[in-house]
């Protein structure tokens, strides 16, 4: 399993609506090929900064299947206007887990 980790800075004061739109987008991820989990985390120190963490079976499930789908376009329609800057996206895998 790999994790898509997107660091998103939203426009000041738009966090609550961004969170609402993210919740509306969850069915898009739930039905995506290879998607196992999705969560939104908000920074405590910087409340306009978020991490989107999506669990995918494979990298291709995200960068090929999802990003070329109509659901990706819907995702961007739902949340794209809130971005203060382009998201910084990385893909990670767990190499050590203790708890």
PDB file of N, CA and C in Angstrom:
ATOM      1  N   UNK A   1       0.843  -1.173   0.000  1.00  0.00           N
ATOM      2  CA  UNK A   1       0.000   0.000   0.000  1.00  0.00           C
ATOM      3  C   UNK A   1       0.887   1.234   0.000  1.00  0.00           C
ATOM      4  N   UNK A   2       0.446   2.250  -0.730  1.00  0.00           N
ATOM      5  CA  UNK A   2       1.134   3.534  -0.721  1.00  0.00           C
ATOM      6  C   UNK A   2       0.141   4.592  -0.251  1.00  0.00           C
ATOM      7  N   UNK A   3       0.695   5.692   0.216  1.00  0.00           N
ATOM      8  CA  UNK A   3      -0.131   6.806   0.673  1.00  0.00           C
ATOM      9  C   UNK A   3       0.177   8.041  -0.156  1.00  0.00           C
ATOM     10  N   UNK A   4      -0.865   8.636  -0.656  1.00  0.00           N
ATOM     11  CA  UNK A   4      -0.766   9.958  -1.278  1.00  0.00           C
ATOM     12  C   UNK A   4      -0.881  10.947  -0.132  1.00  0.00           C
ATOM     13  N   UNK A   5       0.095  11.822   0.005  1.00  0.00           N
ATOM     14  CA  UNK A   5       0.070  12.842   1.048  1.00  0.00           C
ATOM     15  C   UNK A   5       0.142  14.193   0.346  1.00  0.00           C
ATOM     16  N   UNK A   6      -0.956  14.930   0.410  1.00  0.00           N
ATOM     17  CA  UNK A   6      -1.034  16.238  -0.245  1.00  0.00           C
ATOM     18  C   UNK A   6      -1.063  17.323   0.820  1.00  0.00           C
ATOM     19  N   UNK A   7      -0.098  18.216   0.765  1.00  0.00           N
ATOM     20  CA  UNK A   7      -0.023  19.364   1.658  1.00  0.00           C
ATOM     21  C   UNK A   7      -0.757  20.496   0.955  1.00  0.00           C
ATOM     22  N   UNK A   8      -1.858  20.948   1.560  1.00  0.00           N
ATOM     23  CA  UNK A   8      -2.707  21.952   0.922  1.00  0.00           C
ATOM     24  C   UNK A   8      -2.842  23.171   1.819  1.00  0.00           C
ATOM     25  N   UNK A   9      -2.494  24.311   1.271  1.00  0.00           N
ATOM     26  CA  UNK A   9      -2.708  25.604   1.934  1.00  0.00           C
ATOM     27  C   UNK A   9      -3.983  26.181   1.336  1.00  0.00           C
ATOM     28  N   UNK A  10      -4.999  26.415   2.178  1.00  0.00           N
ATOM     29  CA  UNK A  10      -6.236  26.996   1.677  1.00  0.00           C
ATOM     30  C   UNK A  10      -6.233  28.505   1.916  1.00  0.00           C
ATOM     31  N   UNK A  11      -7.075  29.196   1.177  1.00  0.00           N
ATOM     32  CA  UNK A  11      -7.202  30.638   1.351  1.00  0.00           C
ATOM     33  C   UNK A  11      -7.699  30.932   2.768  1.00  0.00           C
ATOM     34  N   UNK A  12      -7.189  31.998   3.341  1.00  0.00           N
ATOM     35  CA  UNK A  12      -7.504  32.361   4.724  1.00  0.00           C
ATOM     36  C   UNK A  12      -9.015  32.435   4.921  1.00  0.00           C
ATOM     37  N   UNK A  13      -9.471  31.776   5.975  1.00  0.00           N
ATOM     38  CA  UNK A  13     -10.874  31.823   6.350  1.00  0.00           C
ATOM     39  C   UNK A  13     -11.780  30.849   5.617  1.00  0.00           C
ATOM     40  N   UNK A  14     -11.229  30.050   4.705  1.00  0.00           N
ATOM     41  CA  UNK A  14     -12.075  29.134   3.931  1.00  0.00           C
ATOM     42  C   UNK A  14     -12.033  27.701   4.449  1.00  0.00           C
ATOM     43  N   UNK A  15     -11.302  27.466   5.526  1.00  0.00           N
ATOM     44  CA  UNK A  15     -11.132  26.113   6.044  1.00  0.00           C
ATOM     45  C   UNK A  15     -12.420  25.353   6.299  1.00  0.00           C
ATOM     46  N   UNK A  16     -13.394  25.927   7.010  1.00  0.00           N
ATOM     47  CA  UNK A  16     -14.617  25.168   7.286  1.00  0.00           C
ATOM     48  C   UNK A  16     -15.354  24.727   6.013  1.00  0.00           C
ATOM     49  N   UNK A  17     -15.415  25.585   5.022  1.00  0.00           N
ATOM     50  CA  UNK A  17     -16.079  25.205   3.774  1.00  0.00           C
ATOM     51  C   UNK A  17     -15.249  24.166   3.007  1.00  0.00           C
ATOM     52  N   UNK A  18     -13.922  24.300   3.044  1.00  0.00           N
ATOM     53  CA  UNK A  18     -13.052  23.293   2.431  1.00  0.00           C
ATOM     54  C   UNK A  18     -13.298  21.930   3.077  1.00  0.00           C
ATOM     55  N   UNK A  19     -13.393  21.894   4.393  1.00  0.00           N
ATOM     56  CA  UNK A  19     -13.644  20.641   5.099  1.00  0.00           C
ATOM     57  C   UNK A  19     -14.985  20.035   4.685  1.00  0.00           C
ATOM     58  N   UNK A  20     -15.977  20.881   4.538  1.00  0.00           N
ATOM     59  CA  UNK A  20     -17.297  20.413   4.113  1.00  0.00           C
ATOM     60  C   UNK A  20     -17.227  19.817   2.707  1.00  0.00           C
ATOM     61  N   UNK A  21     -16.537  20.495   1.812  1.00  0.00           N
ATOM     62  CA  UNK A  21     -16.411  20.003   0.442  1.00  0.00           C
ATOM     63  C   UNK A  21     -15.595  18.710   0.394  1.00  0.00           C
ATOM     64  N   UNK A  22     -14.574  18.617   1.236  1.00  0.00           N
ATOM     65  CA  UNK A  22     -13.812  17.365   1.295  1.00  0.00           C
ATOM     66  C   UNK A  22     -14.731  16.218   1.696  1.00  0.00           C
ATOM     67  N   UNK A  23     -15.578  16.453   2.681  1.00  0.00           N
ATOM     68  CA  UNK A  23     -16.532  15.421   3.106  1.00  0.00           C
ATOM     69  C   UNK A  23     -17.450  15.022   1.958  1.00  0.00           C
ATOM     70  N   UNK A  24     -17.880  16.001   1.171  1.00  0.00           N
ATOM     71  CA  UNK A  24     -18.738  15.706   0.016  1.00  0.00           C
ATOM     72  C   UNK A  24     -17.998  14.876  -1.026  1.00  0.00           C
ATOM     73  N   UNK A  25     -16.684  15.028  -1.100  1.00  0.00           N
ATOM     74  CA  UNK A  25     -15.879  14.319  -2.094  1.00  0.00           C
ATOM     75  C   UNK A  25     -15.540  12.890  -1.685  1.00  0.00           C
ATOM     76  N   UNK A  26     -15.754  12.508  -0.444  1.00  0.00           N
ATOM     77  CA  UNK A  26     -15.359  11.175   0.007  1.00  0.00           C
ATOM     78  C   UNK A  26     -15.913  10.046  -0.860  1.00  0.00           C
ATOM     79  N   UNK A  27     -17.166  10.115  -1.345  1.00  0.00           N
ATOM     80  CA  UNK A  27     -17.640   9.030  -2.224  1.00  0.00           C
ATOM     81  C   UNK A  27     -16.816   8.871  -3.501  1.00  0.00           C
ATOM     82  N   UNK A  28     -16.202   9.945  -3.978  1.00  0.00           N
ATOM     83  CA  UNK A  28     -15.357   9.851  -5.173  1.00  0.00           C
ATOM     84  C   UNK A  28     -14.158   8.951  -4.904  1.00  0.00           C
ATOM     85  N   UNK A  29     -13.580   9.091  -3.716  1.00  0.00           N
ATOM     86  CA  UNK A  29     -12.447   8.246  -3.348  1.00  0.00           C
ATOM     87  C   UNK A  29     -12.897   6.820  -3.041  1.00  0.00           C
ATOM     88  N   UNK A  30     -14.024   6.714  -2.353  1.00  0.00           N
ATOM     89  CA  UNK A  30     -14.503   5.396  -1.950  1.00  0.00           C
ATOM     90  C   UNK A  30     -14.721   4.481  -3.147  1.00  0.00           C
ATOM     91  N   UNK A  31     -15.172   5.049  -4.260  1.00  0.00           N
ATOM     92  CA  UNK A  31     -15.433   4.221  -5.434  1.00  0.00           C
ATOM     93  C   UNK A  31     -14.233   4.125  -6.388  1.00  0.00           C
ATOM     94  N   UNK A  32     -13.152   4.817  -6.087  1.00  0.00           N
ATOM     95  CA  UNK A  32     -11.973   4.788  -6.955  1.00  0.00           C
ATOM     96  C   UNK A  32     -11.262   3.441  -6.846  1.00  0.00           C
ATOM     97  N   UNK A  33     -10.773   2.966  -7.972  1.00  0.00           N
ATOM     98  CA  UNK A  33     -10.034   1.701  -8.009  1.00  0.00           C
ATOM     99  C   UNK A  33      -8.814   1.787  -7.083  1.00  0.00           C
ATOM    100  N   UNK A  34      -8.707   0.818  -6.186  1.00  0.00           N
ATOM    101  CA  UNK A  34      -7.530   0.711  -5.338  1.00  0.00           C
ATOM    102  C   UNK A  34      -7.472   1.659  -4.157  1.00  0.00           C
ATOM    103  N   UNK A  35      -8.510   2.442  -3.937  1.00  0.00           N
ATOM    104  CA  UNK A  35      -8.500   3.378  -2.802  1.00  0.00           C
ATOM    105  C   UNK A  35      -9.001   2.652  -1.554  1.00  0.00           C
ATOM    106  N   UNK A  36      -8.187   2.670  -0.502  1.00  0.00           N
ATOM    107  CA  UNK A  36      -8.506   1.960   0.733  1.00  0.00           C
ATOM    108  C   UNK A  36      -8.872   2.868   1.898  1.00  0.00           C
ATOM    109  N   UNK A  37      -8.446   4.123   1.833  1.00  0.00           N
ATOM    110  CA  UNK A  37      -8.719   5.026   2.950  1.00  0.00           C
ATOM    111  C   UNK A  37      -8.542   6.468   2.495  1.00  0.00           C
ATOM    112  N   UNK A  38      -9.183   7.355   3.233  1.00  0.00           N
ATOM    113  CA  UNK A  38      -9.046   8.791   2.948  1.00  0.00           C
ATOM    114  C   UNK A  38      -9.272   9.555   4.245  1.00  0.00           C
ATOM    115  N   UNK A  39      -8.393  10.528   4.483  1.00  0.00           N
ATOM    116  CA  UNK A  39      -8.596  11.364   5.675  1.00  0.00           C
ATOM    117  C   UNK A  39      -8.048  12.760   5.409  1.00  0.00           C
ATOM    118  N   UNK A  40      -8.607  13.705   6.136  1.00  0.00           N
ATOM    119  CA  UNK A  40      -8.182  15.096   6.073  1.00  0.00           C
ATOM    120  C   UNK A  40      -7.687  15.484   7.454  1.00  0.00           C
ATOM    121  N   UNK A  41      -6.488  16.042   7.509  1.00  0.00           N
ATOM    122  CA  UNK A  41      -5.915  16.499   8.773  1.00  0.00           C
ATOM    123  C   UNK A  41      -5.659  18.000   8.672  1.00  0.00           C
ATOM    124  N   UNK A  42      -5.925  18.715   9.758  1.00  0.00           N
ATOM    125  CA  UNK A  42      -5.697  20.166   9.811  1.00  0.00           C
ATOM    126  C   UNK A  42      -4.567  20.454  10.788  1.00  0.00           C
ATOM    127  N   UNK A  43      -3.700  21.368  10.409  1.00  0.00           N
ATOM    128  CA  UNK A  43      -2.614  21.782  11.290  1.00  0.00           C
ATOM    129  C   UNK A  43      -3.174  22.521  12.499  1.00  0.00           C
ATOM    130  N   UNK A  44      -2.642  22.217  13.658  1.00  0.00           N
ATOM    131  CA  UNK A  44      -3.046  22.909  14.884  1.00  0.00           C
ATOM    132  C   UNK A  44      -2.447  24.317  14.911  1.00  0.00           C
ATOM    133  N   UNK A  45      -1.173  24.412  14.522  1.00  0.00           N
ATOM    134  CA  UNK A  45      -0.495  25.715  14.566  1.00  0.00           C
ATOM    135  C   UNK A  45      -0.858  26.626  13.396  1.00  0.00           C
ATOM    136  N   UNK A  46      -1.204  26.036  12.260  1.00  0.00           N
ATOM    137  CA  UNK A  46      -1.519  26.797  11.041  1.00  0.00           C
ATOM    138  C   UNK A  46      -2.845  26.294  10.490  1.00  0.00           C
ATOM    139  N   UNK A  47      -3.970  26.801  10.991  1.00  0.00           N
ATOM    140  CA  UNK A  47      -5.281  26.220  10.667  1.00  0.00           C
ATOM    141  C   UNK A  47      -5.702  26.321   9.201  1.00  0.00           C
ATOM    142  N   UNK A  48      -4.967  27.032   8.370  1.00  0.00           N
ATOM    143  CA  UNK A  48      -5.267  27.062   6.944  1.00  0.00           C
ATOM    144  C   UNK A  48      -4.415  26.060   6.168  1.00  0.00           C
ATOM    145  N   UNK A  49      -3.677  25.210   6.877  1.00  0.00           N
ATOM    146  CA  UNK A  49      -2.840  24.189   6.253  1.00  0.00           C
ATOM    147  C   UNK A  49      -3.421  22.811   6.556  1.00  0.00           C
ATOM    148  N   UNK A  50      -3.549  22.002   5.523  1.00  0.00           N
ATOM    149  CA  UNK A  50      -4.151  20.672   5.636  1.00  0.00           C
ATOM    150  C   UNK A  50      -3.257  19.615   5.011  1.00  0.00           C
ATOM    151  N   UNK A  51      -3.431  18.396   5.488  1.00  0.00           N
ATOM    152  CA  UNK A  51      -2.868  17.223   4.838  1.00  0.00           C
ATOM    153  C   UNK A  51      -4.026  16.339   4.409  1.00  0.00           C
ATOM    154  N   UNK A  52      -4.023  15.971   3.145  1.00  0.00           N
ATOM    155  CA  UNK A  52      -4.945  14.967   2.637  1.00  0.00           C
ATOM    156  C   UNK A  52      -4.122  13.689   2.529  1.00  0.00           C
ATOM    157  N   UNK A  53      -4.578  12.635   3.178  1.00  0.00           N
ATOM    158  CA  UNK A  53      -3.850  11.367   3.178  1.00  0.00           C
ATOM    159  C   UNK A  53      -4.791  10.293   2.629  1.00  0.00           C
ATOM    160  N   UNK A  54      -4.424   9.770   1.458  1.00  0.00           N
ATOM    161  CA  UNK A  54      -5.250   8.771   0.783  1.00  0.00           C
ATOM    162  C   UNK A  54      -4.428   7.490   0.644  1.00  0.00           C
ATOM    163  N   UNK A  55      -4.989   6.367   1.066  1.00  0.00           N
ATOM    164  CA  UNK A  55      -4.331   5.077   0.917  1.00  0.00           C
ATOM    165  C   UNK A  55      -4.724   4.424  -0.396  1.00  0.00           C
ATOM    166  N   UNK A  56      -3.731   4.059  -1.196  1.00  0.00           N
ATOM    167  CA  UNK A  56      -3.942   3.415  -2.496  1.00  0.00           C
ATOM    168  C   UNK A  56      -3.232   2.071  -2.509  1.00  0.00           C
ATOM    169  N   UNK A  57      -3.816   1.113  -3.207  1.00  0.00           N
ATOM    170  CA  UNK A  57      -3.162  -0.185  -3.377  1.00  0.00           C
ATOM    171  C   UNK A  57      -1.848  -0.033  -4.127  1.00  0.00           C
ATOM    172  N   UNK A  58      -1.864   0.745  -5.216  1.00  0.00           N
ATOM    173  CA  UNK A  58      -0.665   0.936  -6.023  1.00  0.00           C
ATOM    174  C   UNK A  58      -0.545   2.408  -6.422  1.00  0.00           C
ATOM    175  N   UNK A  59       0.630   2.806  -6.818  1.00  0.00           N
ATOM    176  CA  UNK A  59       0.845   4.160  -7.311  1.00  0.00           C
ATOM    177  C   UNK A  59       0.010   4.416  -8.562  1.00  0.00           C
ATOM    178  N   UNK A  60      -0.091   3.422  -9.449  1.00  0.00           N
ATOM    179  CA  UNK A  60      -0.892   3.578 -10.660  1.00  0.00           C
ATOM    180  C   UNK A  60      -2.371   3.802 -10.355  1.00  0.00           C
ATOM    181  N   UNK A  61      -2.871   3.214  -9.275  1.00  0.00           N
ATOM    182  CA  UNK A  61      -4.270   3.454  -8.914  1.00  0.00           C
ATOM    183  C   UNK A  61      -4.521   4.943  -8.711  1.00  0.00           C
ATOM    184  N   UNK A  62      -3.529   5.648  -8.194  1.00  0.00           N
ATOM    185  CA  UNK A  62      -3.690   7.084  -7.995  1.00  0.00           C
ATOM    186  C   UNK A  62      -3.330   7.872  -9.244  1.00  0.00           C
ATOM    187  N   UNK A  63      -2.087   7.747  -9.705  1.00  0.00           N
ATOM    188  CA  UNK A  63      -1.596   8.666 -10.733  1.00  0.00           C
ATOM    189  C   UNK A  63      -2.099   8.342 -12.133  1.00  0.00           C
ATOM    190  N   UNK A  64      -2.524   7.119 -12.370  1.00  0.00           N
ATOM    191  CA  UNK A  64      -3.062   6.774 -13.687  1.00  0.00           C
ATOM    192  C   UNK A  64      -4.585   6.689 -13.628  1.00  0.00           C
ATOM    193  N   UNK A  65      -5.103   5.747 -12.847  1.00  0.00           N
ATOM    194  CA  UNK A  65      -6.554   5.512 -12.844  1.00  0.00           C
ATOM    195  C   UNK A  65      -7.349   6.701 -12.298  1.00  0.00           C
ATOM    196  N   UNK A  66      -6.979   7.195 -11.116  1.00  0.00           N
ATOM    197  CA  UNK A  66      -7.785   8.257 -10.524  1.00  0.00           C
ATOM    198  C   UNK A  66      -7.561   9.599 -11.214  1.00  0.00           C
ATOM    199  N   UNK A  67      -6.324   9.968 -11.429  1.00  0.00           N
ATOM    200  CA  UNK A  67      -6.051  11.290 -11.995  1.00  0.00           C
ATOM    201  C   UNK A  67      -6.556  11.459 -13.424  1.00  0.00           C
ATOM    202  N   UNK A  68      -6.840  10.389 -14.118  1.00  0.00           N
ATOM    203  CA  UNK A  68      -7.394  10.505 -15.473  1.00  0.00           C
ATOM    204  C   UNK A  68      -8.900  10.267 -15.499  1.00  0.00           C
ATOM    205  N   UNK A  69      -9.507  10.152 -14.331  1.00  0.00           N
ATOM    206  CA  UNK A  69     -10.939   9.846 -14.252  1.00  0.00           C
ATOM    207  C   UNK A  69     -11.787  11.114 -14.179  1.00  0.00           C
ATOM    208  N   UNK A  70     -13.061  10.938 -14.481  1.00  0.00           N
ATOM    209  CA  UNK A  70     -14.023  12.031 -14.309  1.00  0.00           C
ATOM    210  C   UNK A  70     -14.151  12.409 -12.834  1.00  0.00           C
ATOM    211  N   UNK A  71     -13.983  11.429 -11.947  1.00  0.00           N
ATOM    212  CA  UNK A  71     -14.078  11.721 -10.515  1.00  0.00           C
ATOM    213  C   UNK A  71     -12.969  12.653 -10.047  1.00  0.00           C
ATOM    214  N   UNK A  72     -11.792  12.565 -10.660  1.00  0.00           N
ATOM    215  CA  UNK A  72     -10.726  13.506 -10.315  1.00  0.00           C
ATOM    216  C   UNK A  72     -11.141  14.931 -10.696  1.00  0.00           C
ATOM    217  N   UNK A  73     -11.744  15.081 -11.855  1.00  0.00           N
ATOM    218  CA  UNK A  73     -12.222  16.404 -12.280  1.00  0.00           C
ATOM    219  C   UNK A  73     -13.283  16.919 -11.306  1.00  0.00           C
ATOM    220  N   UNK A  74     -14.158  16.047 -10.848  1.00  0.00           N
ATOM    221  CA  UNK A  74     -15.173  16.450  -9.861  1.00  0.00           C
ATOM    222  C   UNK A  74     -14.516  16.856  -8.547  1.00  0.00           C
ATOM    223  N   UNK A  75     -13.504  16.109  -8.120  1.00  0.00           N
ATOM    224  CA  UNK A  75     -12.742  16.439  -6.898  1.00  0.00           C
ATOM    225  C   UNK A  75     -12.188  17.848  -7.000  1.00  0.00           C
ATOM    226  N   UNK A  76     -11.551  18.143  -8.134  1.00  0.00           N
ATOM    227  CA  UNK A  76     -10.954  19.468  -8.315  1.00  0.00           C
ATOM    228  C   UNK A  76     -12.030  20.560  -8.361  1.00  0.00           C
ATOM    229  N   UNK A  77     -13.177  20.255  -8.928  1.00  0.00           N
ATOM    230  CA  UNK A  77     -14.286  21.223  -8.931  1.00  0.00           C
ATOM    231  C   UNK A  77     -14.747  21.527  -7.514  1.00  0.00           C
ATOM    232  N   UNK A  78     -14.818  20.501  -6.691  1.00  0.00           N
ATOM    233  CA  UNK A  78     -15.296  20.670  -5.323  1.00  0.00           C
ATOM    234  C   UNK A  78     -14.340  21.481  -4.460  1.00  0.00           C
ATOM    235  N   UNK A  79     -13.032  21.258  -4.608  1.00  0.00           N
ATOM    236  CA  UNK A  79     -12.084  21.844  -3.660  1.00  0.00           C
ATOM    237  C   UNK A  79     -11.062  22.804  -4.266  1.00  0.00           C
ATOM    238  N   UNK A  80     -10.904  22.789  -5.556  1.00  0.00           N
ATOM    239  CA  UNK A  80      -9.823  23.540  -6.192  1.00  0.00           C
ATOM    240  C   UNK A  80      -9.838  25.035  -5.933  1.00  0.00           C
ATOM    241  N   UNK A  81     -11.004  25.636  -5.831  1.00  0.00           N
ATOM    242  CA  UNK A  81     -11.083  27.083  -5.615  1.00  0.00           C
ATOM    243  C   UNK A  81     -10.593  27.520  -4.235  1.00  0.00           C
ATOM    244  N   UNK A  82     -10.439  26.581  -3.325  1.00  0.00           N
ATOM    245  CA  UNK A  82      -9.981  26.913  -1.977  1.00  0.00           C
ATOM    246  C   UNK A  82      -8.458  26.982  -1.867  1.00  0.00           C
ATOM    247  N   UNK A  83      -7.746  26.419  -2.845  1.00  0.00           N
ATOM    248  CA  UNK A  83      -6.290  26.340  -2.769  1.00  0.00           C
ATOM    249  C   UNK A  83      -5.659  27.716  -2.883  1.00  0.00           C
ATOM    250  N   UNK A  84      -4.819  28.069  -1.919  1.00  0.00           N
ATOM    251  CA  UNK A  84      -4.059  29.319  -1.974  1.00  0.00           C
ATOM    252  C   UNK A  84      -2.829  29.166  -2.858  1.00  0.00           C
ATOM    253  N   UNK A  85      -2.396  27.930  -3.041  1.00  0.00           N
ATOM    254  CA  UNK A  85      -1.237  27.590  -3.880  1.00  0.00           C
ATOM    255  C   UNK A  85      -1.451  26.155  -4.354  1.00  0.00           C
ATOM    256  N   UNK A  86      -0.740  25.744  -5.393  1.00  0.00           N
ATOM    257  CA  UNK A  86      -0.871  24.350  -5.821  1.00  0.00           C
ATOM    258  C   UNK A  86      -0.474  23.402  -4.688  1.00  0.00           C
ATOM    259  N   UNK A  87      -1.222  22.317  -4.510  1.00  0.00           N
ATOM    260  CA  UNK A  87      -0.862  21.339  -3.482  1.00  0.00           C
ATOM    261  C   UNK A  87       0.510  20.735  -3.754  1.00  0.00           C
ATOM    262  N   UNK A  88       1.198  20.377  -2.681  1.00  0.00           N
ATOM    263  CA  UNK A  88       2.456  19.644  -2.775  1.00  0.00           C
ATOM    264  C   UNK A  88       2.115  18.190  -2.465  1.00  0.00           C
ATOM    265  N   UNK A  89       2.304  17.314  -3.460  1.00  0.00           N
ATOM    266  CA  UNK A  89       1.889  15.912  -3.332  1.00  0.00           C
ATOM    267  C   UNK A  89       3.107  15.010  -3.334  1.00  0.00           C
ATOM    268  N   UNK A  90       3.100  14.070  -2.418  1.00  0.00           N
ATOM    269  CA  UNK A  90       4.158  13.066  -2.331  1.00  0.00           C
ATOM    270  C   UNK A  90       3.477  11.720  -2.136  1.00  0.00           C
ATOM    271  N   UNK A  91       4.185  10.658  -2.451  1.00  0.00           N
ATOM    272  CA  UNK A  91       3.691   9.308  -2.222  1.00  0.00           C
ATOM    273  C   UNK A  91       4.655   8.617  -1.264  1.00  0.00           C
ATOM    274  N   UNK A  92       4.099   7.994  -0.237  1.00  0.00           N
ATOM    275  CA  UNK A  92       4.921   7.359   0.786  1.00  0.00           C
ATOM    276  C   UNK A  92       4.481   5.917   0.989  1.00  0.00           C
ATOM    277  N   UNK A  93       5.352   5.171   1.632  1.00  0.00           N
ATOM    278  CA  UNK A  93       5.014   3.820   2.065  1.00  0.00           C
ATOM    279  C   UNK A  93       5.580   3.629   3.465  1.00  0.00           C
ATOM    280  N   UNK A  94       4.887   2.853   4.263  1.00  0.00           N
ATOM    281  CA  UNK A  94       5.323   2.603   5.624  1.00  0.00           C
ATOM    282  C   UNK A  94       6.519   1.648   5.589  1.00  0.00           C
ATOM    283  N   UNK A  95       7.589   2.042   6.255  1.00  0.00           N
ATOM    284  CA  UNK A  95       8.765   1.170   6.332  1.00  0.00           C
ATOM    285  C   UNK A  95       9.003   0.672   7.758  1.00  0.00           C
ATOM    286  N   UNK A  96       8.501   1.406   8.749  1.00  0.00           N
ATOM    287  CA  UNK A  96       8.572   0.967  10.152  1.00  0.00           C
ATOM    288  C   UNK A  96       7.278   1.413  10.812  1.00  0.00           C
ATOM    289  N   UNK A  97       6.662   0.509  11.558  1.00  0.00           N
ATOM    290  CA  UNK A  97       5.453   0.848  12.301  1.00  0.00           C
ATOM    291  C   UNK A  97       5.570   0.183  13.662  1.00  0.00           C
ATOM    292  N   UNK A  98       5.384   0.970  14.716  1.00  0.00           N
ATOM    293  CA  UNK A  98       5.556   0.402  16.046  1.00  0.00           C
ATOM    294  C   UNK A  98       4.297   0.347  16.890  1.00  0.00           C
ATOM    295  N   UNK A  99       3.285   1.105  16.508  1.00  0.00           N
ATOM    296  CA  UNK A  99       2.070   1.163  17.332  1.00  0.00           C
ATOM    297  C   UNK A  99       0.845   1.100  16.471  1.00  0.00           C
TER     298      UNK A  99
END
